[in-house]
PDB file of N, CA and C in Angstrom:
ATOM      1  N   UNK A   1      94.561  74.483 192.508  1.00  0.00           N
ATOM      2  CA  UNK A   1      95.579  75.140 193.371  1.00  0.00           C
ATOM      3  C   UNK A   1      96.669  75.964 192.638  1.00  0.00           C
ATOM      4  N   UNK A   2      96.877  75.608 191.353  1.00  0.00           N
ATOM      5  CA  UNK A   2      98.035  76.034 190.213  1.00  0.00           C
ATOM      6  C   UNK A   2      97.392  77.513 189.943  1.00  0.00           C
ATOM      7  N   UNK A   3      95.995  77.471 189.719  1.00  0.00           N
ATOM      8  CA  UNK A   3      95.334  78.765 189.229  1.00  0.00           C
ATOM      9  C   UNK A   3      95.470  79.944 190.554  1.00  0.00           C
ATOM     10  N   UNK A   4      95.017  79.400 191.685  1.00  0.00           N
ATOM     11  CA  UNK A   4      95.068  80.145 192.730  1.00  0.00           C
ATOM     12  C   UNK A   4      96.497  81.019 192.897  1.00  0.00           C
ATOM     13  N   UNK A   5      97.442  80.049 192.912  1.00  0.00           N
ATOM     14  CA  UNK A   5      98.840  80.589 192.942  1.00  0.00           C
ATOM     15  C   UNK A   5      99.220  81.637 191.807  1.00  0.00           C
ATOM     16  N   UNK A   6      98.705  81.231 190.640  1.00  0.00           N
ATOM     17  CA  UNK A   6      99.226  82.033 189.494  1.00  0.00           C
ATOM     18  C   UNK A   6      98.384  83.383 189.649  1.00  0.00           C
ATOM     19  N   UNK A   7      97.288  83.406 190.159  1.00  0.00           N
ATOM     20  CA  UNK A   7      96.369  84.735 190.475  1.00  0.00           C
ATOM     21  C   UNK A   7      96.973  85.456 191.545  1.00  0.00           C
ATOM     22  N   UNK A   8      97.492  84.781 192.594  1.00  0.00           N
ATOM     23  CA  UNK A   8      98.359  85.562 193.797  1.00  0.00           C
ATOM     24  C   UNK A   8      99.569  86.110 193.042  1.00  0.00           C
ATOM     25  N   UNK A   9     100.165  85.427 192.194  1.00  0.00           N
ATOM     26  CA  UNK A   9     101.557  85.950 191.677  1.00  0.00           C
ATOM     27  C   UNK A   9     101.071  87.279 190.799  1.00  0.00           C
ATOM     28  N   UNK A  10     100.144  87.054 190.058  1.00  0.00           N
ATOM     29  CA  UNK A  10      99.581  88.095 189.037  1.00  0.00           C
ATOM     30  C   UNK A  10      99.389  89.414 189.754  1.00  0.00           C
ATOM     31  N   UNK A  11      98.459  89.198 190.862  1.00  0.00           N
ATOM     32  CA  UNK A  11      98.026  90.230 191.620  1.00  0.00           C
ATOM     33  C   UNK A  11      99.052  91.018 192.306  1.00  0.00           C
ATOM     34  N   UNK A  12     100.147  90.279 192.900  1.00  0.00           N
ATOM     35  CA  UNK A  12     101.238  90.616 193.392  1.00  0.00           C
ATOM     36  C   UNK A  12     102.111  91.531 192.437  1.00  0.00           C
ATOM     37  N   UNK A  13     102.290  91.178 191.322  1.00  0.00           N
ATOM     38  CA  UNK A  13     103.064  91.895 190.287  1.00  0.00           C
ATOM     39  C   UNK A  13     102.247  93.178 189.900  1.00  0.00           C
ATOM     40  N   UNK A  14     100.859  93.210 189.882  1.00  0.00           N
ATOM     41  CA  UNK A  14     100.182  94.051 189.520  1.00  0.00           C
ATOM     42  C   UNK A  14     100.234  95.399 190.653  1.00  0.00           C
ATOM     43  N   UNK A  15     100.354  94.919 191.789  1.00  0.00           N
ATOM     44  CA  UNK A  15     100.468  95.930 192.631  1.00  0.00           C
ATOM     45  C   UNK A  15     101.746  96.594 192.838  1.00  0.00           C
ATOM     46  N   UNK A  16     102.726  95.803 192.601  1.00  0.00           N
ATOM     47  CA  UNK A  16     104.177  96.245 192.554  1.00  0.00           C
ATOM     48  C   UNK A  16     104.527  97.084 191.515  1.00  0.00           C
ATOM     49  N   UNK A  17     103.822  97.173 190.319  1.00  0.00           N
ATOM     50  CA  UNK A  17     104.095  97.776 189.097  1.00  0.00           C
ATOM     51  C   UNK A  17     103.850  99.306 189.353  1.00  0.00           C
ATOM     52  N   UNK A  18     102.881  99.789 189.947  1.00  0.00           N
ATOM     53  CA  UNK A  18     102.888 101.246 190.297  1.00  0.00           C
ATOM     54  C   UNK A  18     104.065 101.795 191.031  1.00  0.00           C
ATOM     55  N   UNK A  19     104.399 100.911 192.043  1.00  0.00           N
ATOM     56  CA  UNK A  19     105.552 101.317 192.878  1.00  0.00           C
ATOM     57  C   UNK A  19     106.870 101.352 192.070  1.00  0.00           C
ATOM     58  N   UNK A  20     107.015 100.430 191.195  1.00  0.00           N
ATOM     59  CA  UNK A  20     108.205 100.272 190.517  1.00  0.00           C
ATOM     60  C   UNK A  20     108.294 101.582 189.491  1.00  0.00           C
ATOM     61  N   UNK A  21     107.194 101.881 189.004  1.00  0.00           N
ATOM     62  CA  UNK A  21     107.007 103.018 188.048  1.00  0.00           C
ATOM     63  C   UNK A  21     107.292 104.388 188.757  1.00  0.00           C
ATOM     64  N   UNK A  22     106.580 104.271 190.001  1.00  0.00           N
ATOM     65  CA  UNK A  22     106.885 105.616 190.880  1.00  0.00           C
ATOM     66  C   UNK A  22     108.357 105.833 191.195  1.00  0.00           C
ATOM     67  N   UNK A  23     109.073 104.681 191.650  1.00  0.00           N
ATOM     68  CA  UNK A  23     110.487 104.629 191.918  1.00  0.00           C
ATOM     69  C   UNK A  23     111.295 105.184 190.803  1.00  0.00           C
ATOM     70  N   UNK A  24     110.797 104.830 189.463  1.00  0.00           N
ATOM     71  CA  UNK A  24     111.744 105.199 188.215  1.00  0.00           C
ATOM     72  C   UNK A  24     111.213 106.554 187.945  1.00  0.00           C
ATOM     73  N   UNK A  25     110.329 107.090 188.309  1.00  0.00           N
ATOM     74  CA  UNK A  25     109.915 108.560 188.188  1.00  0.00           C
ATOM     75  C   UNK A  25     110.537 109.307 189.012  1.00  0.00           C
ATOM     76  N   UNK A  26     110.669 108.767 190.317  1.00  0.00           N
ATOM     77  CA  UNK A  26     111.405 109.602 191.534  1.00  0.00           C
ATOM     78  C   UNK A  26     112.853 109.588 190.901  1.00  0.00           C
ATOM     79  N   UNK A  27     113.470 108.456 190.322  1.00  0.00           N
ATOM     80  CA  UNK A  27     114.779 108.458 190.236  1.00  0.00           C
ATOM     81  C   UNK A  27     115.189 109.532 189.069  1.00  0.00           C
ATOM     82  N   UNK A  28     114.283 109.803 188.303  1.00  0.00           N
ATOM     83  CA  UNK A  28     114.501 110.509 187.096  1.00  0.00           C
ATOM     84  C   UNK A  28     114.583 112.039 187.328  1.00  0.00           C
ATOM     85  N   UNK A  29     114.004 112.524 188.508  1.00  0.00           N
ATOM     86  CA  UNK A  29     114.077 113.638 188.983  1.00  0.00           C
ATOM     87  C   UNK A  29     115.544 114.313 189.487  1.00  0.00           C
ATOM     88  N   UNK A  30     115.967 115.379 189.138  1.00  0.00           N
ATOM     89  CA  UNK A  30     117.455 115.702 189.238  1.00  0.00           C
ATOM     90  C   UNK A  30     118.258 116.315 188.115  1.00  0.00           C
ATOM     91  N   UNK A  31     119.364 116.509 188.230  1.00  0.00           N
ATOM     92  CA  UNK A  31     120.390 116.922 187.295  1.00  0.00           C
ATOM     93  C   UNK A  31     121.244 115.660 186.586  1.00  0.00           C
ATOM     94  N   UNK A  32     121.327 115.727 185.416  1.00  0.00           N
ATOM     95  CA  UNK A  32     122.057 114.762 184.645  1.00  0.00           C
ATOM     96  C   UNK A  32     123.090 115.419 183.704  1.00  0.00           C
ATOM     97  N   UNK A  33     124.172 114.851 183.236  1.00  0.00           N
ATOM     98  CA  UNK A  33     125.210 115.322 182.486  1.00  0.00           C
ATOM     99  C   UNK A  33     125.464 114.169 181.391  1.00  0.00           C
ATOM    100  N   UNK A  34     125.796 114.910 180.275  1.00  0.00           N
ATOM    101  CA  UNK A  34     126.217 114.199 179.147  1.00  0.00           C
ATOM    102  C   UNK A  34     127.366 115.100 178.167  1.00  0.00           C
ATOM    103  N   UNK A  35     127.590 114.616 176.981  1.00  0.00           N
ATOM    104  CA  UNK A  35     128.401 115.203 176.090  1.00  0.00           C
ATOM    105  C   UNK A  35     127.815 115.166 174.792  1.00  0.00           C
ATOM    106  N   UNK A  36     127.626 116.269 174.009  1.00  0.00           N
ATOM    107  CA  UNK A  36     127.271 116.082 172.562  1.00  0.00           C
ATOM    108  C   UNK A  36     128.232 116.799 171.602  1.00  0.00           C
ATOM    109  N   UNK A  37     128.473 116.460 170.299  1.00  0.00           N
ATOM    110  CA  UNK A  37     129.239 117.238 169.397  1.00  0.00           C
ATOM    111  C   UNK A  37     128.795 118.597 169.078  1.00  0.00           C
ATOM    112  N   UNK A  38     129.565 119.720 169.158  1.00  0.00           N
ATOM    113  CA  UNK A  38     129.270 121.047 168.857  1.00  0.00           C
ATOM    114  C   UNK A  38     129.512 120.924 167.282  1.00  0.00           C
ATOM    115  N   UNK A  39     129.427 122.367 166.728  1.00  0.00           N
ATOM    116  CA  UNK A  39     129.410 122.368 165.198  1.00  0.00           C
ATOM    117  C   UNK A  39     130.643 121.894 164.671  1.00  0.00           C
ATOM    118  N   UNK A  40     131.708 121.927 165.415  1.00  0.00           N
ATOM    119  CA  UNK A  40     132.947 121.599 165.050  1.00  0.00           C
ATOM    120  C   UNK A  40     133.374 120.334 165.243  1.00  0.00           C
ATOM    121  N   UNK A  41     132.520 119.433 165.937  1.00  0.00           N
ATOM    122  CA  UNK A  41     132.864 117.905 166.177  1.00  0.00           C
ATOM    123  C   UNK A  41     133.464 117.704 167.493  1.00  0.00           C
ATOM    124  N   UNK A  42     133.893 119.038 168.197  1.00  0.00           N
ATOM    125  CA  UNK A  42     134.257 118.806 169.588  1.00  0.00           C
ATOM    126  C   UNK A  42     133.227 118.523 170.510  1.00  0.00           C
ATOM    127  N   UNK A  43     133.652 117.638 171.537  1.00  0.00           N
ATOM    128  CA  UNK A  43     132.412 117.401 172.599  1.00  0.00           C
ATOM    129  C   UNK A  43     132.183 118.439 173.454  1.00  0.00           C
ATOM    130  N   UNK A  44     130.869 118.768 173.802  1.00  0.00           N
ATOM    131  CA  UNK A  44     130.341 119.990 174.477  1.00  0.00           C
ATOM    132  C   UNK A  44     129.584 119.321 175.652  1.00  0.00           C
ATOM    133  N   UNK A  45     129.923 119.751 176.880  1.00  0.00           N
ATOM    134  CA  UNK A  45     129.273 119.233 177.954  1.00  0.00           C
ATOM    135  C   UNK A  45     127.686 119.766 178.209  1.00  0.00           C
ATOM    136  N   UNK A  46     126.721 118.985 178.585  1.00  0.00           N
ATOM    137  CA  UNK A  46     125.614 119.481 178.847  1.00  0.00           C
ATOM    138  C   UNK A  46     124.975 119.027 180.018  1.00  0.00           C
ATOM    139  N   UNK A  47     123.919 119.875 180.612  1.00  0.00           N
ATOM    140  CA  UNK A  47     123.465 119.587 181.793  1.00  0.00           C
ATOM    141  C   UNK A  47     121.764 119.490 181.525  1.00  0.00           C
ATOM    142  N   UNK A  48     121.136 118.372 181.854  1.00  0.00           N
ATOM    143  CA  UNK A  48     119.782 118.316 181.938  1.00  0.00           C
ATOM    144  C   UNK A  48     119.335 118.169 183.168  1.00  0.00           C
ATOM    145  N   UNK A  49     118.190 119.214 183.506  1.00  0.00           N
ATOM    146  CA  UNK A  49     117.503 119.292 184.783  1.00  0.00           C
ATOM    147  C   UNK A  49     116.147 118.896 184.520  1.00  0.00           C
ATOM    148  N   UNK A  50     115.774 117.988 185.290  1.00  0.00           N
ATOM    149  CA  UNK A  50     114.483 117.440 185.218  1.00  0.00           C
ATOM    150  C   UNK A  50     113.848 117.725 186.712  1.00  0.00           C
ATOM    151  N   UNK A  51     112.655 118.360 186.645  1.00  0.00           N
ATOM    152  CA  UNK A  51     111.726 118.740 187.890  1.00  0.00           C
ATOM    153  C   UNK A  51     110.655 118.094 187.853  1.00  0.00           C
ATOM    154  N   UNK A  52     110.189 117.868 189.028  1.00  0.00           N
ATOM    155  CA  UNK A  52     109.037 117.139 189.410  1.00  0.00           C
ATOM    156  C   UNK A  52     107.663 117.668 188.926  1.00  0.00           C
ATOM    157  N   UNK A  53     107.715 118.973 188.569  1.00  0.00           N
ATOM    158  CA  UNK A  53     106.609 119.664 187.994  1.00  0.00           C
ATOM    159  C   UNK A  53     106.446 119.351 186.614  1.00  0.00           C
ATOM    160  N   UNK A  54     106.993 118.430 185.895  1.00  0.00           N
ATOM    161  CA  UNK A  54     107.037 118.289 184.442  1.00  0.00           C
ATOM    162  C   UNK A  54     107.581 119.147 183.763  1.00  0.00           C
ATOM    163  N   UNK A  55     108.546 119.839 184.150  1.00  0.00           N
ATOM    164  CA  UNK A  55     109.428 120.556 183.187  1.00  0.00           C
ATOM    165  C   UNK A  55     111.011 120.153 183.098  1.00  0.00           C
ATOM    166  N   UNK A  56     111.535 120.542 181.982  1.00  0.00           N
ATOM    167  CA  UNK A  56     113.025 120.204 181.954  1.00  0.00           C
ATOM    168  C   UNK A  56     113.860 121.447 181.338  1.00  0.00           C
ATOM    169  N   UNK A  57     115.082 121.615 181.723  1.00  0.00           N
ATOM    170  CA  UNK A  57     116.050 122.548 181.280  1.00  0.00           C
ATOM    171  C   UNK A  57     117.197 121.830 180.654  1.00  0.00           C
ATOM    172  N   UNK A  58     117.711 122.455 179.650  1.00  0.00           N
ATOM    173  CA  UNK A  58     118.775 121.948 179.101  1.00  0.00           C
ATOM    174  C   UNK A  58     119.864 123.111 178.963  1.00  0.00           C
ATOM    175  N   UNK A  59     121.152 122.846 179.452  1.00  0.00           N
ATOM    176  CA  UNK A  59     122.070 123.845 179.694  1.00  0.00           C
ATOM    177  C   UNK A  59     123.202 123.456 178.603  1.00  0.00           C
ATOM    178  N   UNK A  60     123.186 123.949 177.545  1.00  0.00           N
ATOM    179  CA  UNK A  60     124.434 123.624 176.646  1.00  0.00           C
ATOM    180  C   UNK A  60     125.685 124.294 177.040  1.00  0.00           C
ATOM    181  N   UNK A  61     126.759 123.448 177.280  1.00  0.00           N
ATOM    182  CA  UNK A  61     127.971 124.099 177.761  1.00  0.00           C
ATOM    183  C   UNK A  61     128.182 124.411 179.217  1.00  0.00           C
ATOM    184  N   UNK A  62     127.018 123.950 179.824  1.00  0.00           N
ATOM    185  CA  UNK A  62     126.964 124.028 181.277  1.00  0.00           C
ATOM    186  C   UNK A  62     127.480 125.585 181.536  1.00  0.00           C
ATOM    187  N   UNK A  63     126.943 126.550 181.207  1.00  0.00           N
ATOM    188  CA  UNK A  63     127.246 127.878 181.519  1.00  0.00           C
ATOM    189  C   UNK A  63     126.323 128.593 182.251  1.00  0.00           C
ATOM    190  N   UNK A  64     125.493 128.073 182.776  1.00  0.00           N
ATOM    191  CA  UNK A  64     124.187 128.405 183.742  1.00  0.00           C
ATOM    192  C   UNK A  64     122.870 128.986 182.872  1.00  0.00           C
ATOM    193  N   UNK A  65     122.963 128.920 181.506  1.00  0.00           N
ATOM    194  CA  UNK A  65     121.911 129.235 180.786  1.00  0.00           C
ATOM    195  C   UNK A  65     120.926 128.171 180.436  1.00  0.00           C
ATOM    196  N   UNK A  66     119.806 128.348 180.527  1.00  0.00           N
ATOM    197  CA  UNK A  66     118.658 127.483 180.054  1.00  0.00           C
ATOM    198  C   UNK A  66     118.451 127.503 178.515  1.00  0.00           C
ATOM    199  N   UNK A  67     119.372 126.803 177.782  1.00  0.00           N
ATOM    200  CA  UNK A  67     119.249 127.041 176.255  1.00  0.00           C
ATOM    201  C   UNK A  67     117.957 126.210 175.722  1.00  0.00           C
ATOM    202  N   UNK A  68     117.629 125.233 176.331  1.00  0.00           N
ATOM    203  CA  UNK A  68     116.382 124.678 176.007  1.00  0.00           C
ATOM    204  C   UNK A  68     115.541 124.337 177.059  1.00  0.00           C
ATOM    205  N   UNK A  69     114.369 124.743 177.015  1.00  0.00           N
ATOM    206  CA  UNK A  69     113.238 124.496 178.101  1.00  0.00           C
ATOM    207  C   UNK A  69     112.090 123.909 177.581  1.00  0.00           C
ATOM    208  N   UNK A  70     111.437 123.135 178.389  1.00  0.00           N
ATOM    209  CA  UNK A  70     110.126 122.497 177.932  1.00  0.00           C
ATOM    210  C   UNK A  70     109.472 121.613 179.034  1.00  0.00           C
ATOM    211  N   UNK A  71     108.466 120.909 178.738  1.00  0.00           N
ATOM    212  CA  UNK A  71     107.709 119.955 179.389  1.00  0.00           C
ATOM    213  C   UNK A  71     107.965 118.691 178.984  1.00  0.00           C
ATOM    214  N   UNK A  72     107.634 117.647 180.060  1.00  0.00           N
ATOM    215  CA  UNK A  72     107.579 116.307 179.740  1.00  0.00           C
ATOM    216  C   UNK A  72     106.410 115.637 180.270  1.00  0.00           C
ATOM    217  N   UNK A  73     105.846 114.431 179.612  1.00  0.00           N
ATOM    218  CA  UNK A  73     104.993 113.596 180.376  1.00  0.00           C
ATOM    219  C   UNK A  73     105.535 112.121 180.411  1.00  0.00           C
ATOM    220  N   UNK A  74     105.352 111.637 181.453  1.00  0.00           N
ATOM    221  CA  UNK A  74     105.809 110.196 181.531  1.00  0.00           C
ATOM    222  C   UNK A  74     104.449 109.126 181.469  1.00  0.00           C
ATOM    223  N   UNK A  75     104.528 108.278 180.787  1.00  0.00           N
ATOM    224  CA  UNK A  75     103.628 107.183 180.773  1.00  0.00           C
ATOM    225  C   UNK A  75     104.381 105.863 180.810  1.00  0.00           C
ATOM    226  N   UNK A  76     104.516 105.266 182.013  1.00  0.00           N
ATOM    227  CA  UNK A  76     105.204 104.054 182.054  1.00  0.00           C
ATOM    228  C   UNK A  76     106.683 104.217 181.495  1.00  0.00           C
ATOM    229  N   UNK A  77     107.219 103.529 180.551  1.00  0.00           N
ATOM    230  CA  UNK A  77     108.517 103.674 180.350  1.00  0.00           C
ATOM    231  C   UNK A  77     108.561 104.676 179.007  1.00  0.00           C
ATOM    232  N   UNK A  78     107.734 105.590 178.803  1.00  0.00           N
ATOM    233  CA  UNK A  78     107.774 106.312 177.684  1.00  0.00           C
ATOM    234  C   UNK A  78     107.683 107.825 177.930  1.00  0.00           C
ATOM    235  N   UNK A  79     108.638 108.612 177.623  1.00  0.00           N
ATOM    236  CA  UNK A  79     108.553 110.142 178.023  1.00  0.00           C
ATOM    237  C   UNK A  79     108.250 110.963 176.770  1.00  0.00           C
ATOM    238  N   UNK A  80     107.227 111.825 176.764  1.00  0.00           N
ATOM    239  CA  UNK A  80     106.884 112.629 175.677  1.00  0.00           C
ATOM    240  C   UNK A  80     107.469 114.126 176.003  1.00  0.00           C
ATOM    241  N   UNK A  81     108.409 114.570 175.361  1.00  0.00           N
ATOM    242  CA  UNK A  81     108.859 116.044 175.587  1.00  0.00           C
ATOM    243  C   UNK A  81     108.289 117.069 174.346  1.00  0.00           C
ATOM    244  N   UNK A  82     108.215 118.302 174.770  1.00  0.00           N
ATOM    245  CA  UNK A  82     108.025 119.431 173.945  1.00  0.00           C
ATOM    246  C   UNK A  82     108.636 120.560 174.410  1.00  0.00           C
ATOM    247  N   UNK A  83     109.476 121.038 173.462  1.00  0.00           N
ATOM    248  CA  UNK A  83     110.257 122.201 173.826  1.00  0.00           C
ATOM    249  C   UNK A  83     109.333 123.355 173.864  1.00  0.00           C
ATOM    250  N   UNK A  84     109.517 124.657 174.539  1.00  0.00           N
ATOM    251  CA  UNK A  84     108.907 125.793 174.561  1.00  0.00           C
ATOM    252  C   UNK A  84     110.001 126.683 174.105  1.00  0.00           C
ATOM    253  N   UNK A  85     111.360 126.581 174.558  1.00  0.00           N
ATOM    254  CA  UNK A  85     112.432 127.310 173.944  1.00  0.00           C
ATOM    255  C   UNK A  85     113.465 126.499 173.463  1.00  0.00           C
ATOM    256  N   UNK A  86     114.033 126.752 172.287  1.00  0.00           N
ATOM    257  CA  UNK A  86     114.938 125.837 171.823  1.00  0.00           C
ATOM    258  C   UNK A  86     114.969 125.820 170.491  1.00  0.00           C
ATOM    259  N   UNK A  87     115.654 124.746 169.763  1.00  0.00           N
ATOM    260  CA  UNK A  87     115.565 124.804 168.415  1.00  0.00           C
ATOM    261  C   UNK A  87     114.254 124.101 167.772  1.00  0.00           C
ATOM    262  N   UNK A  88     113.521 123.510 168.642  1.00  0.00           N
ATOM    263  CA  UNK A  88     112.336 122.807 168.056  1.00  0.00           C
ATOM    264  C   UNK A  88     111.013 123.147 168.856  1.00  0.00           C
ATOM    265  N   UNK A  89     110.674 124.321 169.054  1.00  0.00           N
ATOM    266  CA  UNK A  89     109.391 124.720 169.753  1.00  0.00           C
ATOM    267  C   UNK A  89     108.215 124.011 169.327  1.00  0.00           C
ATOM    268  N   UNK A  90     107.448 123.508 170.296  1.00  0.00           N
ATOM    269  CA  UNK A  90     106.202 122.786 170.022  1.00  0.00           C
ATOM    270  C   UNK A  90     106.385 121.745 169.196  1.00  0.00           C
ATOM    271  N   UNK A  91     107.519 121.139 169.174  1.00  0.00           N
ATOM    272  CA  UNK A  91     107.534 119.898 168.212  1.00  0.00           C
ATOM    273  C   UNK A  91     107.751 118.618 169.266  1.00  0.00           C
ATOM    274  N   UNK A  92     106.889 117.716 169.230  1.00  0.00           N
ATOM    275  CA  UNK A  92     106.875 116.520 170.318  1.00  0.00           C
ATOM    276  C   UNK A  92     107.695 115.560 169.936  1.00  0.00           C
ATOM    277  N   UNK A  93     108.559 114.956 170.705  1.00  0.00           N
ATOM    278  CA  UNK A  93     109.104 113.799 170.510  1.00  0.00           C
ATOM    279  C   UNK A  93     108.784 112.849 171.730  1.00  0.00           C
ATOM    280  N   UNK A  94     108.723 111.536 171.361  1.00  0.00           N
ATOM    281  CA  UNK A  94     108.369 110.340 172.173  1.00  0.00           C
ATOM    282  C   UNK A  94     109.396 109.547 172.294  1.00  0.00           C
ATOM    283  N   UNK A  95     110.209 109.103 173.510  1.00  0.00           N
ATOM    284  CA  UNK A  95     111.109 108.392 173.620  1.00  0.00           C
ATOM    285  C   UNK A  95     110.892 107.232 174.662  1.00  0.00           C
ATOM    286  N   UNK A  96     111.537 106.006 174.626  1.00  0.00           N
ATOM    287  CA  UNK A  96     111.512 105.048 175.434  1.00  0.00           C
ATOM    288  C   UNK A  96     112.600 105.280 176.525  1.00  0.00           C
ATOM    289  N   UNK A  97     112.298 105.287 177.793  1.00  0.00           N
ATOM    290  CA  UNK A  97     113.374 105.413 178.633  1.00  0.00           C
ATOM    291  C   UNK A  97     113.764 104.375 179.576  1.00  0.00           C
ATOM    292  N   UNK A  98     115.009 104.351 179.987  1.00  0.00           N
ATOM    293  CA  UNK A  98     115.402 103.603 181.036  1.00  0.00           C
ATOM    294  C   UNK A  98     116.134 104.399 181.951  1.00  0.00           C
ATOM    295  N   UNK A  99     115.658 104.117 183.359  1.00  0.00           N
ATOM    296  CA  UNK A  99     116.280 105.091 184.510  1.00  0.00           C
ATOM    297  C   UNK A  99     116.759 104.130 185.692  1.00  0.00           C
ATOM    298  N   UNK A 100     118.080 104.471 185.908  1.00  0.00           N
ATOM    299  CA  UNK A 100     118.718 103.844 187.070  1.00  0.00           C
ATOM    300  C   UNK A 100     119.032 105.062 188.247  1.00  0.00           C
ATOM    301  N   UNK A 101     119.603 104.514 189.213  1.00  0.00           N
ATOM    302  CA  UNK A 101     119.988 105.533 190.405  1.00  0.00           C
ATOM    303  C   UNK A 101     121.275 106.364 189.352  1.00  0.00           C
ATOM    304  N   UNK A 102     121.885 105.894 188.641  1.00  0.00           N
ATOM    305  CA  UNK A 102     122.965 106.693 188.181  1.00  0.00           C
ATOM    306  C   UNK A 102     123.031 107.144 186.739  1.00  0.00           C
ATOM    307  N   UNK A 103     121.969 106.180 185.804  1.00  0.00           N
ATOM    308  CA  UNK A 103     121.842 106.440 184.359  1.00  0.00           C
ATOM    309  C   UNK A 103     120.501 106.751 183.965  1.00  0.00           C
ATOM    310  N   UNK A 104     120.428 107.500 182.786  1.00  0.00           N
ATOM    311  CA  UNK A 104     119.098 107.620 182.389  1.00  0.00           C
ATOM    312  C   UNK A 104     119.182 107.597 180.759  1.00  0.00           C
ATOM    313  N   UNK A 105     118.763 106.894 179.868  1.00  0.00           N
ATOM    314  CA  UNK A 105     118.882 106.654 178.993  1.00  0.00           C
ATOM    315  C   UNK A 105     117.532 106.823 177.958  1.00  0.00           C
ATOM    316  N   UNK A 106     117.370 107.548 176.867  1.00  0.00           N
ATOM    317  CA  UNK A 106     116.324 107.821 175.916  1.00  0.00           C
ATOM    318  C   UNK A 106     116.513 107.497 174.702  1.00  0.00           C
ATOM    319  N   UNK A 107     115.504 106.619 174.039  1.00  0.00           N
ATOM    320  CA  UNK A 107     115.865 106.262 172.584  1.00  0.00           C
ATOM    321  C   UNK A 107     114.433 106.397 172.026  1.00  0.00           C
ATOM    322  N   UNK A 108     114.795 107.183 170.800  1.00  0.00           N
ATOM    323  CA  UNK A 108     113.567 107.694 170.205  1.00  0.00           C
ATOM    324  C   UNK A 108     112.640 106.576 169.678  1.00  0.00           C
ATOM    325  N   UNK A 109     111.413 106.886 169.690  1.00  0.00           N
ATOM    326  CA  UNK A 109     110.144 106.136 169.033  1.00  0.00           C
ATOM    327  C   UNK A 109     109.764 106.896 168.029  1.00  0.00           C
ATOM    328  N   UNK A 110     109.396 108.251 168.016  1.00  0.00           N
ATOM    329  CA  UNK A 110     109.254 109.266 167.224  1.00  0.00           C
ATOM    330  C   UNK A 110     109.413 110.680 167.469  1.00  0.00           C
ATOM    331  N   UNK A 111     109.804 111.431 166.637  1.00  0.00           N
ATOM    332  CA  UNK A 111     109.979 112.913 166.998  1.00  0.00           C
ATOM    333  C   UNK A 111     109.886 113.746 165.858  1.00  0.00           C
ATOM    334  N   UNK A 112     109.254 114.813 166.019  1.00  0.00           N
ATOM    335  CA  UNK A 112     108.826 115.788 165.016  1.00  0.00           C
ATOM    336  C   UNK A 112     110.122 116.688 164.718  1.00  0.00           C
ATOM    337  N   UNK A 113     110.924 116.687 165.730  1.00  0.00           N
ATOM    338  CA  UNK A 113     112.190 117.416 165.661  1.00  0.00           C
ATOM    339  C   UNK A 113     113.184 116.673 164.925  1.00  0.00           C
ATOM    340  N   UNK A 114     113.695 116.998 163.785  1.00  0.00           N
ATOM    341  CA  UNK A 114     114.527 116.043 163.007  1.00  0.00           C
ATOM    342  C   UNK A 114     115.875 115.670 163.645  1.00  0.00           C
ATOM    343  N   UNK A 115     116.535 116.637 164.370  1.00  0.00           N
ATOM    344  CA  UNK A 115     118.064 116.246 164.771  1.00  0.00           C
ATOM    345  C   UNK A 115     117.998 115.982 166.361  1.00  0.00           C
ATOM    346  N   UNK A 116     116.952 116.072 166.989  1.00  0.00           N
ATOM    347  CA  UNK A 116     116.963 115.757 168.619  1.00  0.00           C
ATOM    348  C   UNK A 116     117.503 114.244 168.636  1.00  0.00           C
ATOM    349  N   UNK A 117     118.288 114.101 169.565  1.00  0.00           N
ATOM    350  CA  UNK A 117     118.800 112.768 169.797  1.00  0.00           C
ATOM    351  C   UNK A 117     119.710 112.255 168.727  1.00  0.00           C
ATOM    352  N   UNK A 118     120.257 113.079 167.894  1.00  0.00           N
ATOM    353  CA  UNK A 118     121.358 112.858 167.033  1.00  0.00           C
ATOM    354  C   UNK A 118     120.783 111.725 166.008  1.00  0.00           C
ATOM    355  N   UNK A 119     121.539 111.369 165.006  1.00  0.00           N
ATOM    356  CA  UNK A 119     121.008 110.500 163.936  1.00  0.00           C
ATOM    357  C   UNK A 119     120.435 109.255 164.350  1.00  0.00           C
ATOM    358  N   UNK A 120     121.093 108.534 165.436  1.00  0.00           N
ATOM    359  CA  UNK A 120     120.382 107.407 165.963  1.00  0.00           C
ATOM    360  C   UNK A 120     119.252 107.561 167.010  1.00  0.00           C
ATOM    361  N   UNK A 121     119.160 108.648 167.405  1.00  0.00           N
ATOM    362  CA  UNK A 121     117.886 108.913 168.358  1.00  0.00           C
ATOM    363  C   UNK A 121     118.062 108.339 169.682  1.00  0.00           C
ATOM    364  N   UNK A 122     119.431 108.471 170.164  1.00  0.00           N
ATOM    365  CA  UNK A 122     119.669 107.983 171.371  1.00  0.00           C
ATOM    366  C   UNK A 122     120.486 109.130 172.147  1.00  0.00           C
ATOM    367  N   UNK A 123     120.052 109.096 173.515  1.00  0.00           N
ATOM    368  CA  UNK A 123     120.424 109.986 174.512  1.00  0.00           C
ATOM    369  C   UNK A 123     120.928 109.341 175.665  1.00  0.00           C
ATOM    370  N   UNK A 124     122.209 109.637 176.318  1.00  0.00           N
ATOM    371  CA  UNK A 124     122.601 108.717 177.523  1.00  0.00           C
ATOM    372  C   UNK A 124     123.101 109.765 178.486  1.00  0.00           C
ATOM    373  N   UNK A 125     122.642 109.723 179.708  1.00  0.00           N
ATOM    374  CA  UNK A 125     123.131 110.660 180.754  1.00  0.00           C
ATOM    375  C   UNK A 125     123.327 109.918 182.054  1.00  0.00           C
ATOM    376  N   UNK A 126     124.303 110.761 182.715  1.00  0.00           N
ATOM    377  CA  UNK A 126     124.681 109.962 184.125  1.00  0.00           C
ATOM    378  C   UNK A 126     124.252 111.057 185.197  1.00  0.00           C
ATOM    379  N   UNK A 127     124.038 110.726 186.334  1.00  0.00           N
ATOM    380  CA  UNK A 127     123.532 111.615 187.442  1.00  0.00           C
ATOM    381  C   UNK A 127     124.539 112.282 187.935  1.00  0.00           C
ATOM    382  N   UNK A 128     124.346 113.630 188.131  1.00  0.00           N
ATOM    383  CA  UNK A 128     125.241 114.701 188.707  1.00  0.00           C
ATOM    384  C   UNK A 128     125.408 114.671 190.006  1.00  0.00           C
TER     385      UNK A 128
END
């Protein structure tokens, strides 16, 4: 009896997993804001736009210009990013992500771009 209950619970969780990952992916799509220090140490606003087609754009200073453009791939709670335009073209970064309805956090796993994500390799955004 106990094994049958455990199998039922496991199968239930297994079927829910794709839906929870799909919900996280859907929550990721849209515009996000944050601030990063500029060369003088003053905080500069940034806008991150993530599209459903696997592309992203970063607008430094929120002036309407796509300063960093690239592609991303989601695999579970991991996001791989590669810029085509920006400071690190063709350099791959892998980040563990946590997405809610209002927040998006990225923590570096590995990155070929030395300064992406700052010294700690952490980026935090809020939904616009």
